[in-house]
Amino acid sequence: MEKALFVPCREKCEYAGAIYHVMSRGDRREDIFLDDVDRQDFLKTLAEACHKTGFQVPAYCLMRNHFHLVVEQVSVLTF
């Protein structure tokens, strides 16, 4: 029987004030936002996530087939 190989996870570098660029695009560059209702739903969900995690989004850009977020980690979460 072979032994399973376990690779430890790298320790995450997290600190208050860290700035991240987050980008996501639709498969095969397909549209991810079909109308303004989709964009409003996305922003509402993003606001809820920020409220739960303590992240802030000082800038964002929503396009038909992708989005960009500037995300600031205000505090480090501890579990």
Protein backbone atom coordinates (compact mmCIF):
# COMPACT_ATOMS: atom_id res chain seq x y z
CA MET A 1 0.00 0.00 0.00
CA GLU A 2 1.38 3.40 -0.96
CA LYS A 3 1.74 6.23 1.52
CA ALA A 4 -0.23 9.40 0.82
CA LEU A 5 1.88 12.47 0.25
CA PHE A 6 0.77 15.48 2.27
CA VAL A 7 2.04 18.91 1.36
CA PRO A 8 1.55 21.53 4.07
CA CYS A 9 -0.21 24.74 3.12
CA ARG A 10 1.93 27.84 2.94
CA GLU A 11 1.27 30.24 5.74
CA LYS A 12 -0.88 33.12 4.55
CA CYS A 13 0.55 36.59 4.76
CA GLU A 14 -2.29 38.68 6.15
CA TYR A 15 -2.07 42.08 7.75
CA ALA A 16 -4.32 45.05 8.34
CA GLY A 17 -4.01 47.54 5.51
CA ALA A 18 -3.17 44.94 2.85
CA ILE A 19 -4.48 45.87 -0.61
CA TYR A 20 -5.56 43.26 -3.16
CA HIS A 21 -6.59 43.45 -6.81
CA VAL A 22 -9.39 40.93 -7.46
CA MET A 23 -10.48 40.14 -11.01
CA SER A 24 -12.90 37.55 -12.38
CA ARG A 25 -14.03 36.90 -15.92
CA GLY A 26 -16.83 34.80 -17.42
CA ASP A 27 -16.01 31.44 -19.02
CA ARG A 28 -14.85 31.97 -22.60
CA ARG A 29 -15.27 35.68 -21.85
CA GLU A 30 -19.04 35.28 -21.76
CA ASP A 31 -21.17 37.94 -20.08
CA ILE A 32 -21.55 37.65 -16.32
CA PHE A 33 -23.79 40.71 -15.94
CA LEU A 34 -26.81 40.73 -18.23
CA ASP A 35 -28.37 43.95 -16.96
CA ASP A 36 -28.34 46.56 -14.19
CA VAL A 37 -30.30 44.24 -11.88
CA ASP A 38 -27.42 41.72 -12.06
CA ARG A 39 -24.93 44.47 -11.25
CA GLN A 40 -27.01 45.71 -8.29
CA ASP A 41 -27.35 42.14 -6.96
CA PHE A 42 -23.58 41.68 -7.22
CA LEU A 43 -22.91 44.93 -5.36
CA LYS A 44 -25.40 44.00 -2.65
CA THR A 45 -23.75 40.59 -2.16
CA LEU A 46 -20.31 42.25 -2.14
CA ALA A 47 -21.47 44.72 0.55
CA GLU A 48 -22.77 41.83 2.68
CA ALA A 49 -19.46 39.99 2.34
CA CYS A 50 -17.52 43.13 3.28
CA HIS A 51 -19.73 43.62 6.33
CA LYS A 52 -19.06 40.03 7.49
CA THR A 53 -15.31 40.07 6.85
CA GLY A 54 -14.33 43.65 7.60
CA PHE A 55 -12.93 44.18 4.10
CA GLN A 56 -13.46 47.46 2.29
CA VAL A 57 -13.71 48.06 -1.44
CA PRO A 58 -12.47 51.57 -2.22
CA ALA A 59 -12.75 51.05 -5.99
CA TYR A 60 -14.43 48.69 -8.43
CA CYS A 61 -15.24 48.36 -12.11
CA LEU A 62 -18.03 46.14 -13.42
CA MET A 63 -18.08 45.28 -17.12
CA ARG A 64 -20.27 42.93 -19.14
CA ASN A 65 -17.94 39.95 -18.96
CA HIS A 66 -15.68 40.67 -15.97
CA PHE A 67 -15.04 42.82 -12.94
CA HIS A 68 -12.15 44.34 -11.03
CA LEU A 69 -12.13 45.10 -7.30
CA VAL A 70 -9.61 46.90 -5.13
CA VAL A 71 -10.02 45.23 -1.74
CA GLU A 72 -8.48 46.47 1.49
CA GLN A 73 -8.10 44.17 4.48
CA VAL A 74 -9.00 46.46 7.37
CA SER A 75 -8.33 43.88 10.09
CA VAL A 76 -7.10 40.28 10.29
CA LEU A 77 -9.77 37.69 11.05
CA THR A 78 -8.99 35.15 13.74
CA PHE A 79 -10.89 31.92 14.17
